[in-house]
Protein backbone atom coordinates (compact mmCIF):
# COMPACT_ATOMS: atom_id res chain seq x y z
CA MET A 1 7.75 3.36 -10.29
CA LYS A 2 8.09 -0.20 -8.93
CA PHE A 3 9.30 -1.69 -5.62
CA GLU A 4 9.66 -5.38 -4.84
CA ASP A 5 9.77 -7.56 -1.69
CA VAL A 6 8.30 -5.29 0.93
CA SER A 7 5.82 -5.56 3.80
CA LEU A 8 2.63 -3.60 4.37
CA GLY A 9 3.08 -1.68 7.58
CA THR A 10 -0.01 0.37 8.39
CA ILE A 11 -2.80 2.15 6.56
CA ASN A 12 -3.87 5.48 7.93
CA PHE A 13 -6.72 7.79 6.97
CA SER A 14 -6.08 11.51 6.58
CA ASN A 15 -7.99 14.59 5.44
CA PHE A 16 -11.24 13.43 6.96
CA GLY A 17 -10.97 9.96 5.39
CA SER A 18 -10.39 11.10 1.74
CA ASP A 19 -6.65 10.27 1.79
CA LEU A 20 -4.91 6.97 2.49
CA ILE A 21 -1.34 6.74 3.68
CA PHE A 22 0.45 3.38 3.45
CA ASP A 23 3.56 2.71 5.58
CA ILE A 24 5.87 0.32 3.74
CA TRP A 25 8.25 -1.79 5.76
CA SER A 26 11.41 -3.71 4.98
CA THR A 27 11.03 -7.51 4.79
CA TYR A 28 14.51 -7.86 6.27
CA ASP A 29 14.46 -5.91 9.47
CA GLY A 30 10.91 -4.47 9.72
CA HIS A 31 11.87 -0.79 9.71
CA SER A 32 9.89 1.74 7.69
CA LEU A 33 11.16 2.35 4.13
CA GLY A 34 8.79 5.21 3.51
CA LYS A 35 5.19 6.16 2.95
CA ILE A 36 2.81 6.21 -0.06
CA HIS A 37 0.21 8.99 0.20
CA CYS A 38 -2.85 8.64 -2.02
CA LYS A 39 -4.66 11.98 -2.04
CA ASN A 40 -8.41 12.31 -2.55
CA VAL A 41 -9.09 8.58 -3.13
CA LYS A 42 -11.60 7.86 -5.86
CA GLU A 43 -11.54 4.04 -5.77
CA PHE A 44 -10.22 1.48 -3.28
CA GLU A 45 -10.22 -2.32 -3.82
CA CYS A 46 -8.68 -4.92 -1.50
CA LYS A 47 -8.66 -8.67 -1.89
CA ASN A 48 -7.32 -10.42 1.23
CA MET A 49 -6.84 -14.18 0.98
CA LEU A 50 -4.72 -14.62 4.14
CA ASP A 51 -7.17 -17.01 5.76
CA GLY A 52 -7.72 -14.95 8.92
CA GLU A 53 -4.15 -13.71 9.23
CA GLU A 54 -3.43 -10.07 9.88
CA LEU A 55 -3.17 -7.88 6.69
CA PHE A 56 -0.68 -5.58 8.37
CA GLY A 57 2.86 -6.84 8.18
CA SER A 58 2.04 -9.13 5.32
CA TYR A 59 4.45 -9.67 2.40
CA ILE A 60 3.90 -7.66 -0.72
CA ALA A 61 5.81 -8.92 -3.74
CA LEU A 62 5.25 -5.87 -5.91
CA VAL A 63 4.24 -2.23 -5.48
CA LYS A 64 3.51 -0.28 -8.62
CA ILE A 65 2.73 3.42 -8.87
CA GLU A 66 1.58 4.48 -12.35
CA SER A 67 0.10 7.99 -12.83
CA LYS A 68 -2.82 8.12 -10.36
CA THR A 69 -2.97 4.41 -9.61
CA LEU A 70 -1.31 2.36 -6.84
CA ILE A 71 -1.31 -1.43 -7.04
CA MET A 72 0.16 -3.71 -4.39
CA GLU A 73 0.14 -7.41 -4.98
CA SER A 74 1.36 -10.78 -3.69
CA GLY A 75 -0.14 -14.26 -3.85
CA GLU A 76 -2.59 -13.54 -0.96
CA VAL A 77 -3.06 -9.75 -1.08
CA TRP A 78 -4.13 -7.42 -3.90
CA ILE A 79 -4.78 -3.74 -3.28
CA LYS A 80 -5.69 -1.10 -5.91
CA VAL A 81 -6.12 2.63 -5.22
CA ILE A 82 -7.05 5.26 -7.73
CA SER A 83 -6.67 8.86 -6.45
CA ASN A 84 -6.11 12.43 -7.68
CA GLU A 85 -2.46 12.34 -6.73
CA ILE A 86 0.06 9.82 -5.32
CA THR A 87 3.27 10.78 -3.62
CA SER A 88 5.92 8.47 -2.27
CA THR A 89 8.96 8.74 0.04
CA LEU A 90 10.22 5.24 -0.92
């Protein structure tokens, strides 16, 4: 599953910190497009090269969900999550 040209809204912790929930926003009008829920996170990596700018609301060129892996990337942001299960309402 792939999505292009979105913004990273918020990241919330759930289930005593073992789950991550990403709110994905529209780049056009800022409304929520849906959520990506990573259940029982095994690995989380984030590279933020925004030079002090806020990560939230930043542009994400590509969101990929493959099996139990979520990857979000743009020129300045790269996020990888490996978890037991990933569900999406996008």
